[in-house]
Structures are given as structure tokens and as C-alpha cells.
Protein backbone atom coordinates (compact mmCIF):
# COMPACT_ATOMS: atom_id res chain seq x y z
CA MET A 1 -16.16 0.14 19.51
CA ILE A 2 -17.14 2.23 16.45
CA LYS A 3 -17.25 0.14 13.39
CA VAL A 4 -16.29 1.87 10.15
CA SER A 5 -16.69 0.58 6.50
CA LEU A 6 -14.66 2.48 3.92
CA ILE A 7 -15.35 2.44 0.04
CA SER A 8 -12.38 3.34 -1.93
CA LEU A 9 -12.95 4.62 -5.45
CA GLY A 10 -10.40 6.02 -8.15
CA CYS A 11 -6.75 5.55 -8.75
CA ALA A 12 -3.91 4.02 -6.76
CA LYS A 13 -3.20 7.51 -5.36
CA ASN A 14 -6.59 7.55 -3.74
CA LEU A 15 -6.14 4.04 -2.50
CA VAL A 16 -2.96 5.15 -0.52
CA ASP A 17 -5.16 7.93 1.01
CA SER A 18 -7.71 5.18 1.93
CA GLU A 19 -4.88 3.11 3.52
CA ILE A 20 -3.70 6.01 5.64
CA MET A 21 -7.27 6.60 6.83
CA VAL A 22 -7.71 2.87 7.79
CA GLY A 23 -4.29 3.06 9.66
CA HIS A 24 -5.48 5.99 11.70
CA LEU A 25 -8.81 4.50 12.52
CA HIS A 26 -7.04 1.24 13.76
CA GLN A 27 -4.69 3.43 15.80
CA ALA A 28 -7.73 5.10 17.50
CA GLY A 29 -9.21 1.73 18.41
CA MET A 30 -12.03 1.67 15.79
CA ALA A 31 -12.93 -1.54 13.91
CA VAL A 32 -12.73 -1.22 10.13
CA ILE A 33 -15.05 -3.84 8.59
CA PRO A 34 -15.86 -4.59 4.85
CA ASP A 35 -19.69 -4.95 5.31
CA ALA A 36 -21.28 -1.46 5.05
CA GLU A 37 -24.62 -2.86 6.38
CA LYS A 38 -23.03 -3.56 9.78
CA ALA A 39 -21.01 -0.29 10.19
CA ASP A 40 -21.74 2.67 12.28
CA VAL A 41 -19.92 4.86 9.88
CA VAL A 42 -19.40 4.63 6.10
CA ILE A 43 -16.70 6.53 4.38
CA VAL A 44 -16.69 6.97 0.66
CA ASN A 45 -13.35 8.03 -0.64
CA THR A 46 -14.32 9.61 -3.95
CA CYS A 47 -12.72 10.41 -7.44
CA SER A 48 -13.56 13.30 -9.58
CA PHE A 49 -10.97 12.98 -12.37
CA ILE A 50 -13.57 12.73 -15.12
CA ASP A 51 -17.36 12.82 -15.38
CA SER A 52 -17.72 9.03 -15.14
CA SER A 53 -15.75 8.90 -11.94
CA LYS A 54 -17.89 11.65 -10.41
CA GLU A 55 -20.97 9.82 -11.46
CA GLU A 56 -19.57 6.60 -9.90
CA SER A 57 -18.81 8.37 -6.53
CA ILE A 58 -22.21 10.12 -6.34
CA GLY A 59 -23.89 6.59 -7.16
CA HIS A 60 -22.02 5.12 -4.16
CA ILE A 61 -22.98 7.98 -1.87
CA LEU A 62 -26.72 7.78 -2.82
CA GLU A 63 -26.56 4.05 -2.51
CA VAL A 64 -25.20 4.00 1.01
CA HIS A 65 -27.72 6.71 1.88
CA GLN A 66 -30.78 4.76 0.52
CA SER A 67 -29.68 1.60 2.35
CA ARG A 68 -29.63 3.49 5.68
CA GLY A 69 -33.32 3.48 5.84
CA MET A 70 -33.81 -0.27 5.74
CA THR A 71 -33.06 -1.11 9.33
CA LYS A 72 -33.16 0.76 12.73
CA ARG A 73 -29.41 0.32 13.09
CA ARG A 74 -28.58 1.84 9.60
CA LYS A 75 -30.91 4.93 10.17
CA GLU A 76 -28.40 5.89 12.78
CA GLN A 77 -25.50 5.33 10.52
CA LYS A 78 -23.21 8.10 9.73
CA LEU A 79 -22.00 8.83 6.26
CA ILE A 80 -18.82 10.86 5.49
CA VAL A 81 -17.60 11.75 1.93
CA ALA A 82 -13.70 12.09 1.53
CA GLY A 83 -11.30 12.32 -1.55
CA CYS A 84 -10.89 14.39 -4.64
CA MET A 85 -14.69 15.16 -5.17
CA SER A 86 -15.01 16.21 -1.73
CA GLN A 87 -12.00 18.52 -1.96
CA ARG A 88 -13.27 19.86 -5.31
CA PHE A 89 -17.08 20.46 -4.71
CA SER A 90 -17.43 20.50 -0.92
CA LYS A 91 -19.42 23.62 -1.10
CA ASP A 92 -21.78 22.67 -3.86
CA LEU A 93 -22.07 19.18 -2.29
CA SER A 94 -23.16 20.37 1.01
CA SER A 95 -26.21 21.75 -0.46
CA SER A 96 -26.91 19.24 -3.01
CA LEU A 97 -26.36 16.22 -0.62
CA HIS A 98 -27.84 18.05 2.47
CA ASP A 99 -29.74 15.29 3.76
CA GLU A 100 -27.64 12.32 2.65
CA VAL A 101 -24.24 13.33 4.05
CA ASP A 102 -23.00 14.01 7.62
CA ALA A 103 -19.60 15.41 6.85
CA PHE A 104 -17.20 16.26 4.14
CA ILE A 105 -13.40 15.84 4.47
CA GLY A 106 -10.78 16.65 2.03
CA LEU A 107 -7.26 15.36 1.26
CA ASP A 108 -5.55 16.93 4.25
CA GLN A 109 -7.96 15.55 6.67
CA ILE A 110 -7.17 11.90 6.15
CA THR A 111 -5.02 11.77 9.24
CA LYS A 112 -7.71 13.35 11.31
CA VAL A 113 -10.64 11.05 10.34
CA ALA A 114 -10.97 9.45 13.75
CA PRO A 115 -11.34 12.61 15.81
CA ILE A 116 -13.75 13.86 13.17
CA ILE A 117 -15.88 10.77 13.57
CA GLU A 118 -15.90 11.07 17.28
CA GLY A 119 -16.84 14.74 16.95
CA ILE A 120 -19.76 13.85 14.77
CA TYR A 121 -21.03 11.41 17.45
CA ALA A 122 -20.62 14.06 20.22
CA LYS A 123 -22.73 16.47 18.35
CA GLU A 124 -25.80 15.22 16.50
CA ARG A 125 -26.80 17.28 13.43
CA GLY A 126 -30.15 18.97 13.43
CA GLN A 127 -32.62 18.34 10.73
CA ASP A 128 -31.99 21.79 9.01
CA GLU A 129 -28.30 21.92 9.74
CA ALA A 130 -25.77 21.60 6.92
CA PRO A 131 -23.37 18.78 6.79
CA ALA A 132 -20.07 19.34 8.62
CA ASN A 133 -17.38 20.68 6.30
CA PHE A 134 -13.90 20.15 7.50
CA ILE A 135 -12.00 21.20 4.30
CA GLU A 136 -9.77 24.05 4.67
CA GLY A 137 -8.10 25.82 1.51
CA LYS A 138 -5.73 23.98 -0.74
CA SER A 139 -4.17 20.75 -0.13
CA THR A 140 -0.77 20.63 1.33
CA TYR A 141 -0.43 17.30 2.87
CA ILE A 142 2.22 14.69 2.09
CA PRO A 143 2.61 11.42 3.90
CA ASP A 144 5.76 10.26 5.62
CA PHE A 145 7.30 6.81 6.14
CA ASP A 146 5.95 6.63 9.82
CA THR A 147 2.43 7.61 8.75
CA PRO A 148 -0.07 5.00 10.22
CA ARG A 149 -1.23 2.92 7.32
CA PHE A 150 -3.02 -0.28 6.76
CA ARG A 151 -2.25 -1.71 3.34
CA LEU A 152 -5.34 -2.65 1.18
CA THR A 153 -3.26 -4.48 -1.55
CA PRO A 154 -2.23 -8.11 -1.50
CA LYS A 155 0.72 -8.80 0.73
CA HIS A 156 3.19 -9.17 -2.24
CA PHE A 157 2.75 -5.59 -3.68
CA ALA A 158 2.49 -2.07 -2.48
CA TYR A 159 1.93 1.45 -3.79
CA MET A 160 4.40 4.11 -2.50
CA LYS A 161 3.37 7.65 -2.89
CA ILE A 162 6.59 9.52 -3.39
CA ALA A 163 5.15 12.96 -3.96
CA GLU A 164 1.78 14.80 -4.13
CA GLY A 165 0.38 17.51 -6.38
CA CYS A 166 1.29 18.70 -9.74
CA ASN A 167 2.84 21.78 -11.43
CA HIS A 168 1.91 21.02 -14.96
CA PRO A 169 -0.44 23.32 -16.88
CA CYS A 170 -2.37 20.55 -18.95
CA THR A 171 -5.58 22.29 -20.25
CA PHE A 172 -7.74 19.07 -19.91
CA CYS A 173 -6.72 18.32 -16.16
CA ILE A 174 -8.18 19.44 -12.84
CA ILE A 175 -5.75 17.58 -10.71
CA PRO A 176 -3.47 20.56 -9.87
CA GLN A 177 -6.56 22.50 -8.54
CA ILE A 178 -7.58 19.48 -6.35
CA ARG A 179 -4.35 18.28 -5.06
CA GLY A 180 -2.24 21.43 -5.11
CA ARG A 181 1.30 22.07 -6.30
CA HIS A 182 4.00 19.32 -6.51
CA ARG A 183 5.67 18.44 -3.17
CA SER A 184 8.10 15.53 -2.86
CA ARG A 185 8.96 13.33 0.16
CA THR A 186 12.56 13.05 1.07
CA VAL A 187 14.68 10.23 -0.32
CA ALA A 188 15.28 8.95 3.33
CA SER A 189 11.55 8.88 3.98
CA VAL A 190 10.82 6.79 0.81
CA VAL A 191 13.73 4.46 1.42
CA ALA A 192 12.76 3.91 4.98
CA GLU A 193 9.15 2.89 3.83
CA ALA A 194 10.59 0.68 1.17
CA ARG A 195 12.94 -1.13 3.56
CA GLN A 196 9.95 -1.85 5.88
CA LEU A 197 7.87 -3.14 3.00
CA VAL A 198 10.51 -5.40 1.72
CA ARG A 199 11.00 -6.77 5.23
CA GLU A 200 7.26 -7.50 5.40
CA GLY A 201 7.67 -9.59 2.27
CA VAL A 202 6.52 -7.16 -0.46
CA LYS A 203 7.78 -8.23 -3.84
CA GLU A 204 6.90 -5.30 -5.98
CA LEU A 205 7.08 -1.53 -4.96
CA ASN A 206 5.02 0.68 -7.43
CA LEU A 207 6.15 4.35 -7.18
CA ILE A 208 3.22 6.63 -7.75
CA SER A 209 2.52 10.43 -7.77
CA GLN A 210 0.80 12.82 -10.06
CA ASP A 211 4.33 13.38 -11.87
CA THR A 212 6.86 10.77 -10.66
CA THR A 213 9.51 12.24 -12.92
CA PHE A 214 9.45 15.63 -11.09
CA PHE A 215 10.35 13.98 -7.79
CA GLY A 216 12.85 15.98 -5.84
CA MET A 217 12.89 18.93 -8.29
CA ASP A 218 10.69 21.06 -6.11
CA THR A 219 13.52 21.12 -3.55
CA TRP A 220 16.12 22.49 -5.95
CA GLU A 221 17.69 25.87 -5.36
CA GLN A 222 17.36 26.86 -8.84
CA ARG A 223 13.66 26.59 -9.64
CA PRO A 224 12.83 24.11 -12.52
CA ASN A 225 10.08 24.54 -15.18
CA PRO A 226 7.56 22.00 -16.68
CA ARG A 227 10.19 21.13 -19.23
CA THR A 228 13.25 20.63 -16.92
CA PRO A 229 14.91 17.20 -17.43
CA VAL A 230 15.82 14.85 -14.44
CA ASP A 231 19.23 15.94 -13.48
CA SER A 232 20.70 14.84 -10.08
CA SER A 233 23.59 17.29 -10.57
CA ARG A 234 21.14 20.01 -9.62
CA GLY A 235 19.86 18.43 -6.47
CA THR A 236 17.66 15.38 -5.43
CA ALA A 237 16.03 13.72 -8.34
CA LEU A 238 14.24 10.48 -9.25
CA THR A 239 17.69 9.04 -10.40
CA THR A 240 18.93 9.59 -6.66
CA LEU A 241 15.82 7.77 -5.38
CA LEU A 242 16.00 4.78 -7.83
CA ARG A 243 19.71 4.05 -6.98
CA GLU A 244 18.91 4.17 -3.28
CA LEU A 245 16.11 1.87 -3.68
CA ASN A 246 17.93 -0.58 -5.98
CA ALA A 247 20.61 -0.93 -3.15
CA ILE A 248 18.02 -2.29 -0.64
CA GLU A 249 18.77 -5.93 -0.23
CA GLY A 250 16.15 -8.49 -1.23
CA ASP A 251 14.42 -9.90 -4.47
CA PHE A 252 11.87 -7.26 -5.61
CA TRP A 253 10.76 -5.02 -8.41
CA ILE A 254 10.56 -1.30 -8.33
CA ARG A 255 7.96 -0.19 -10.99
CA LEU A 256 7.57 3.50 -12.25
CA LEU A 257 4.09 4.75 -12.74
CA TYR A 258 2.88 8.16 -14.02
CA THR A 259 5.96 9.60 -15.61
CA HIS A 260 5.74 12.84 -17.50
CA PRO A 261 7.50 12.71 -20.86
CA ALA A 262 8.68 16.38 -20.65
CA HIS A 263 11.21 15.43 -17.78
CA TRP A 264 12.76 12.27 -19.08
CA SER A 265 16.45 12.51 -19.64
CA ASP A 266 19.36 10.40 -20.74
CA GLU A 267 20.43 10.25 -17.08
CA LEU A 268 17.05 8.61 -16.09
CA ILE A 269 17.35 6.18 -18.99
CA LYS A 270 20.97 5.22 -17.95
CA THR A 271 19.81 4.90 -14.31
CA ILE A 272 17.06 2.49 -15.16
CA ALA A 273 19.33 0.36 -17.32
CA GLU A 274 21.95 0.08 -14.50
CA CYS A 275 19.38 -0.68 -11.87
CA PRO A 276 18.25 -4.36 -12.18
CA LYS A 277 15.54 -4.12 -9.58
CA VAL A 278 13.84 -1.36 -11.61
CA ALA A 279 11.18 -3.43 -13.65
CA ARG A 280 11.70 -3.09 -17.54
CA TYR A 281 8.46 -1.29 -17.79
CA ILE A 282 7.62 2.34 -17.86
CA ASP A 283 4.30 4.24 -17.59
CA ILE A 284 4.46 7.45 -19.82
CA PRO A 285 1.21 9.14 -20.67
CA LEU A 286 1.78 10.88 -23.95
CA GLN A 287 -1.91 11.90 -24.57
CA HIS A 288 -1.36 12.69 -28.24
CA ILE A 289 1.31 12.83 -31.02
CA SER A 290 -0.13 15.75 -33.16
CA ASP A 291 1.73 19.03 -32.46
CA HIS A 292 -1.65 20.80 -32.95
CA MET A 293 -3.30 18.73 -30.22
CA LEU A 294 -0.10 18.75 -27.98
CA GLY A 295 -0.20 22.50 -28.17
CA ARG A 296 -3.76 22.81 -27.35
CA MET A 297 -3.33 20.35 -24.38
CA GLN A 298 -0.22 22.32 -23.31
CA ARG A 299 1.68 19.16 -22.82
CA GLU A 300 5.14 20.74 -22.85
CA THR A 301 6.26 18.29 -25.67
CA SER A 302 6.10 17.99 -29.37
CA GLY A 303 5.66 15.14 -31.84
CA ASP A 304 9.39 15.04 -32.81
CA TYR A 305 10.39 15.22 -29.13
CA ILE A 306 8.27 12.16 -28.32
CA ARG A 307 9.41 10.18 -31.28
CA ASP A 308 13.09 10.75 -30.36
CA LEU A 309 12.45 9.99 -26.67
CA LEU A 310 10.98 6.59 -27.29
CA LYS A 311 13.76 5.70 -29.60
CA ARG A 312 16.36 6.74 -27.01
CA ILE A 313 14.37 4.73 -24.24
CA ARG A 314 14.25 1.48 -26.21
CA ALA A 315 17.89 1.85 -27.33
CA GLY A 316 19.05 2.62 -23.75
CA ILE A 317 16.96 0.02 -21.87
CA PRO A 318 16.91 -3.31 -23.83
CA GLY A 319 13.73 -5.22 -23.15
CA ILE A 320 11.73 -2.31 -22.05
CA ALA A 321 7.87 -2.46 -22.14
CA ILE A 322 6.31 0.94 -22.70
CA ARG A 323 2.70 1.60 -21.40
CA THR A 324 1.13 4.88 -22.58
CA THR A 325 -2.35 6.65 -22.70
CA PHE A 326 -3.92 8.84 -25.28
CA ILE A 327 -6.96 11.24 -25.18
CA VAL A 328 -9.26 11.26 -28.15
CA GLY A 329 -11.99 14.00 -28.74
CA PHE A 330 -10.17 16.88 -27.27
CA PRO A 331 -11.62 20.17 -28.54
CA GLY A 332 -10.33 20.99 -32.03
CA GLU A 333 -9.03 17.43 -32.77
CA THR A 334 -9.35 16.75 -36.50
CA GLU A 335 -9.43 13.82 -38.68
CA ALA A 336 -5.86 14.60 -39.74
CA ASP A 337 -4.79 14.62 -36.10
CA ILE A 338 -6.42 11.18 -35.51
CA ALA A 339 -4.83 9.82 -38.70
CA GLU A 340 -1.38 10.79 -37.41
CA LEU A 341 -2.07 9.36 -34.19
CA CYS A 342 -3.03 6.02 -35.69
CA THR A 343 0.18 5.96 -37.88
CA PHE A 344 2.16 6.67 -34.84
CA ILE A 345 0.63 3.80 -32.86
CA LYS A 346 1.21 1.43 -35.92
CA GLN A 347 4.80 2.44 -36.17
CA THR A 348 5.74 2.48 -32.48
CA LYS A 349 3.93 -0.68 -31.42
CA PHE A 350 3.45 -0.02 -27.71
CA GLU A 351 3.47 -3.01 -25.55
CA ARG A 352 0.69 -1.55 -23.38
CA LEU A 353 -1.77 1.27 -24.30
CA GLY A 354 -4.95 2.86 -23.16
CA VAL A 355 -7.29 5.40 -24.61
CA PHE A 356 -9.43 7.96 -22.86
CA ARG A 357 -12.53 9.70 -24.32
CA TYR A 358 -12.03 13.46 -23.46
CA SER A 359 -14.02 14.65 -20.57
CA GLN A 360 -15.05 18.29 -20.48
CA GLU A 361 -14.19 19.07 -16.94
CA GLU A 362 -15.56 22.21 -15.21
CA GLY A 363 -12.75 24.49 -14.16
CA THR A 364 -10.36 23.58 -16.85
CA ARG A 365 -9.15 25.69 -19.78
CA GLY A 366 -10.10 22.77 -22.11
CA ALA A 367 -13.72 22.91 -20.93
CA LYS A 368 -14.04 26.60 -22.34
CA MET A 369 -12.37 25.96 -25.72
CA PRO A 370 -14.34 26.27 -28.84
CA ASP A 371 -14.81 23.23 -31.23
CA GLN A 372 -15.90 20.66 -28.67
CA ILE A 373 -16.17 17.30 -30.21
CA LEU A 374 -19.62 15.40 -30.26
CA PRO A 375 -19.82 12.25 -28.10
CA LYS A 376 -20.40 9.95 -30.91
CA VAL A 377 -17.28 11.13 -32.65
CA LYS A 378 -15.17 10.66 -29.51
CA GLU A 379 -16.71 7.10 -29.29
CA ALA A 380 -15.97 6.32 -32.96
CA ARG A 381 -12.34 7.55 -32.39
CA TRP A 382 -11.84 5.52 -29.25
CA HIS A 383 -13.10 2.29 -31.03
CA THR A 384 -10.66 3.01 -33.89
CA LEU A 385 -7.51 3.23 -31.61
CA MET A 386 -8.55 0.42 -29.22
CA GLY A 387 -9.27 -1.84 -32.36
CA LEU A 388 -5.84 -0.99 -33.67
CA GLN A 389 -4.07 -1.66 -30.31
CA ARG A 390 -5.86 -5.03 -29.94
CA GLN A 391 -4.05 -6.15 -33.09
CA ILE A 392 -0.87 -4.73 -31.95
CA ALA A 393 -1.19 -6.32 -28.36
CA ALA A 394 -1.66 -9.78 -30.04
CA GLU A 395 1.56 -9.38 -32.08
CA VAL A 396 3.44 -8.35 -28.87
CA SER A 397 1.91 -11.34 -26.86
CA LYS A 398 2.88 -13.76 -29.81
CA SER A 399 6.48 -12.46 -29.59
CA TYR A 400 6.72 -13.77 -26.07
CA VAL A 401 5.98 -17.37 -27.03
CA GLY A 402 8.86 -19.68 -26.33
CA LYS A 403 10.56 -17.18 -23.90
CA THR A 404 11.29 -17.59 -20.33
CA LEU A 405 9.99 -14.92 -18.00
CA LYS A 406 10.08 -14.15 -14.35
CA VAL A 407 6.63 -13.60 -13.13
CA LEU A 408 4.91 -12.60 -9.80
CA VAL A 409 2.11 -14.99 -8.92
CA GLU A 410 -1.00 -12.78 -7.97
CA GLU A 411 -3.48 -15.50 -7.18
CA PRO A 412 -3.99 -19.17 -7.89
CA GLY A 413 -3.47 -19.63 -11.57
CA VAL A 414 -2.67 -15.94 -12.32
CA ALA A 415 0.66 -14.09 -12.47
CA ARG A 416 2.11 -10.86 -13.88
CA GLY A 417 5.51 -10.30 -15.58
CA GLU A 418 7.54 -7.22 -15.57
CA ALA A 419 5.57 -5.73 -18.32
CA ASP A 420 2.30 -5.89 -16.34
CA ALA A 421 1.44 -3.42 -13.73
CA PRO A 422 -1.33 -4.29 -11.14
CA ASP A 423 -5.00 -4.01 -12.25
CA ILE A 424 -4.39 -2.28 -15.63
CA ASP A 425 -2.39 -4.65 -17.81
CA GLY A 426 -2.47 -8.19 -19.01
CA ARG A 427 -2.26 -11.50 -17.16
CA VAL A 428 0.01 -14.54 -17.30
CA TYR A 429 -1.94 -17.73 -16.70
CA VAL A 430 -0.09 -20.34 -14.79
CA PRO A 431 -0.75 -23.61 -13.19
CA ARG A 432 -2.77 -23.05 -9.91
CA GLU A 433 -0.43 -24.84 -7.60
CA LEU A 434 2.35 -22.04 -8.02
CA PRO A 435 2.90 -20.20 -4.79
CA VAL A 436 0.98 -16.87 -4.50
CA GLY A 437 3.10 -13.80 -3.75
CA GLU A 438 6.34 -15.40 -5.02
CA PHE A 439 8.44 -15.02 -8.14
CA VAL A 440 8.53 -18.09 -10.46
CA GLU A 441 10.40 -18.67 -13.81
CA VAL A 442 8.05 -19.74 -16.31
CA LYS A 443 8.18 -20.63 -20.22
CA ILE A 444 5.34 -18.81 -22.38
CA THR A 445 3.58 -21.49 -24.26
CA GLY A 446 0.81 -19.39 -25.82
CA TYR A 447 -1.33 -16.20 -25.72
CA GLN A 448 -4.78 -14.81 -25.97
CA ASP A 449 -4.85 -11.04 -27.02
CA TYR A 450 -3.45 -9.26 -24.08
CA ASP A 451 -2.76 -12.24 -21.94
CA LEU A 452 -0.10 -15.04 -21.85
CA LEU A 453 -0.08 -18.72 -21.13
CA ALA A 454 2.87 -20.12 -19.32
CA LEU A 455 4.34 -23.23 -17.57
CA PRO A 456 7.06 -23.64 -15.12
CA LYS A 457 10.28 -25.13 -16.72
CA GLY A 458 9.96 -28.80 -17.52
CA GLU A 459 6.26 -29.14 -17.02
CA LYS A 460 4.24 -30.77 -19.89
CA PRO A 461 1.45 -28.72 -21.68
CA ALA A 462 -1.15 -31.31 -20.96
CA ALA A 463 -0.90 -30.72 -17.19
CA PHE A 464 -1.40 -27.02 -17.73
CA LYS A 465 -4.51 -27.75 -19.88
CA VAL A 466 -6.09 -29.39 -16.96
CA ALA A 467 -5.20 -26.47 -14.64
CA LYS A 468 -6.55 -23.97 -17.12
CA GLN A 469 -9.88 -25.78 -17.39
CA ALA A 470 -10.23 -25.87 -13.58
CA GLN A 471 -10.32 -22.04 -13.39
């Protein structure tokens, strides 16, 4: 039996690709193990969204290769590079990692990983022979509900990739060139997968894609554009999917991640408000508020549009928590742009917020723009925004004290509320004896910056202190 170890890097979308690879390896009778030292094959599923992710990916590849020389068994170990970096740079990597890597596979080969491994063993590579490159053209693959898959998340939550690719022209982003044009799954496919996950005990379905709000629009008879709003009267839309998922029996959350602001509509706001299983949380990356920067980034939005949209979302969905991200240091960004962004953040008081330092990505229009910003200036602006958000986060956390929340217990002593997505948001600290993977009603008793402290109803604070100290 061939033993395979897989290292998954990057975002949740990449994690789903890793889960599909593991599912196909199991189907082929191969063993998937966590310990790379004991594996016959190591797969590194890479990310290349920004420079730091590329560096992390290359670091893991070199580490695996260097470790192969330590024992006789590992000298015979095969190394496969998969994922976004492989898809993007396969030709360059074949020469730069000539001796380190046995094969490169792209986004469309994740279902073919088992026969590729078998082929590598059937044909030993010569000393001067280049690594096998299985990547063919642009990515077109999209998973279906019956795609073999082994979930790598805890039993109580799962990521559901509802679409792949992106049609947006953002000047800072390389993703459309890596993952291709937007292509949606069918509503029936997504619902079938959701039903199965709920039957398995999943309590949270996290809907992901490059642009979740564009779901279904690529199938419309009348072609949409990057500013077309969600509108089910024109064909299948995200609202169609949300209502179908909300109708599934069971106690679970539906969480919306990666929504583009340009597609939000009153229909989408109304649908979320009318679907109780859709978490009162939205992820809506805004990237900036200055019209100057939004234009240079080609975000298909304006400052006034964003301000109005956020007002409509908060008015239409009571109790909503809004998560967003911004980019600082994009070419041409001025002190006036940053000042406007700071004022906007102070006024809006986002419940959840992250900031990226702009990364000059090869192949993007932003990389060729004049007026690139110095790294030290990017760093200073990042610290300014994150310092500001830390104060706001404490105010938001304080506002929860005394309230009762429904939380999902992640691990002993740690839970998440509706306002907290897996891995990226805050935590709710609870007594360790609460059941992992279950919903619990708790009362918020305190806070620490981004995190909350809570007790089940009727439990005395002294008991919680003991539990907290034991962590």
C-alpha cells in the first residue's frame, strides 16, 4: 500500500481541493498519513496569492526535499507539488526545482492524483530528466456533490465550494489567471452535498468561492457584468440557493464567505433576513473606501455606493456582524486616501476587520503601475489601521457583555458565535465540560479584545474562573 502525506497551505478553497485529493487517494486504496517522514509520497498543495504565501510554499517544498536525504527510505520518497503556485508557475518551477520535485499537478488534476502517483512509480525519472508536468491549459474543473472527498475539518463544520474561478478585473489580483473564469455548481448539486453533511452531524456550512455573490449568474441567458446585482428573476442566483439550503431540516448555520460588494442587492439582504439558518454574519471584502483607490483597483464600486450598501445591510438584517478586509499600500495611495479610510473605519465600526499589505504580484496590472509604495510605508499604514480596529473590536466585544448567545463549541473550553467564522475571527471562552461540536446557549460575562468570556445560563462565575485557569 502506498502511503501518502499531504501538506495543505493557503485558504479554505485550497483546503477543499486537498480534501478532494485525499478522497481520491482513499478510493484508490492508498493510505493517507499525517507523518511525512513515514510517507512514500508527499504532496504539497501550494498557495501563491501573495508573495508571503509563495515563500511559505517554497519553504515547505525545500524542507520536504532536504528531509528526504536523512534516511534510506526517504531517499526514495516522491514529492508532488500541487495547487495554485503549481498552476501559475509550473514551467518556471520545473527548471528552478528540477532536482527537488518529481511532478507538478494543477487544479484540474486533483481528481487524477492517484493514477499520477502510480505512473510516477511505474517510470523512474532519470537524473537529467525534468519533473513530470501534468498541467494542461487554464483551469475548468468544478467539483460535484458526489466527488470523492475526505473532510479535513472538525466533524461539526465544513466548507462547501459552490463555484470556482472569478470574472472580476481587480488590478491587484492574480486569481482569475490561476483559477479561470467563474463557473457555478447547480443548486441541486450544492443542496445534495449540504443534506449529506447535515446527516453526518455538521452544524455549520461555510459557503465559499472566489465570488460567492456571483453564484448562478454565469448560467443566465442574458450575460451579467461585474456590477450586476443578485436577481433571481433573471435565473439561478445566490438567493435561490440560500432559500433551498434554509429549507433543509436540522439545526445548523449557513455562513456566507467571500461576497463581492458590487453584486449585493435588496433581494439578497431580504433573503438573508428571512432565512433564520443563515448566520447573522457576512464576509464582504471592500479593499478601500477612497474613490481614487477603488478606481485604480478596478473594484466596480465607489465610496458612496459602499456606505449606502452597509447602511442597507445593517437596516435590513438586524444583528448582522460585518467582516471586511482592506489593502494598504496599493500603488498611488496617498495620505489623504489613508485618512479617509481611517475615518470610514471609525464611523462604520466593523465587527470584524482585517488588513493586507499590498503585494506586487507578477502578472497583475497593479504590479506595473507607477508610484509603488515603499514597504516601510505599507507597514506603518498597516499598524495604523490595525491599531484603530483593535480599539473598535474591544468596544464591539464590550457590547456583548450581559447578552445571551448561541455558540458552537469548537474544542474543550473554546466556542464560536454567529459573528465568528472558523480560523479567522474571535473566540468565545466557555467551561471545558461543554460538549464539543454542539450548540449551547451562553451568557457573555466579559471580554478580552477580540474574544469573549461566557457561561451557560445559571452557572456561577467562580466555576468559570477555575475552568479558564485550567486551560
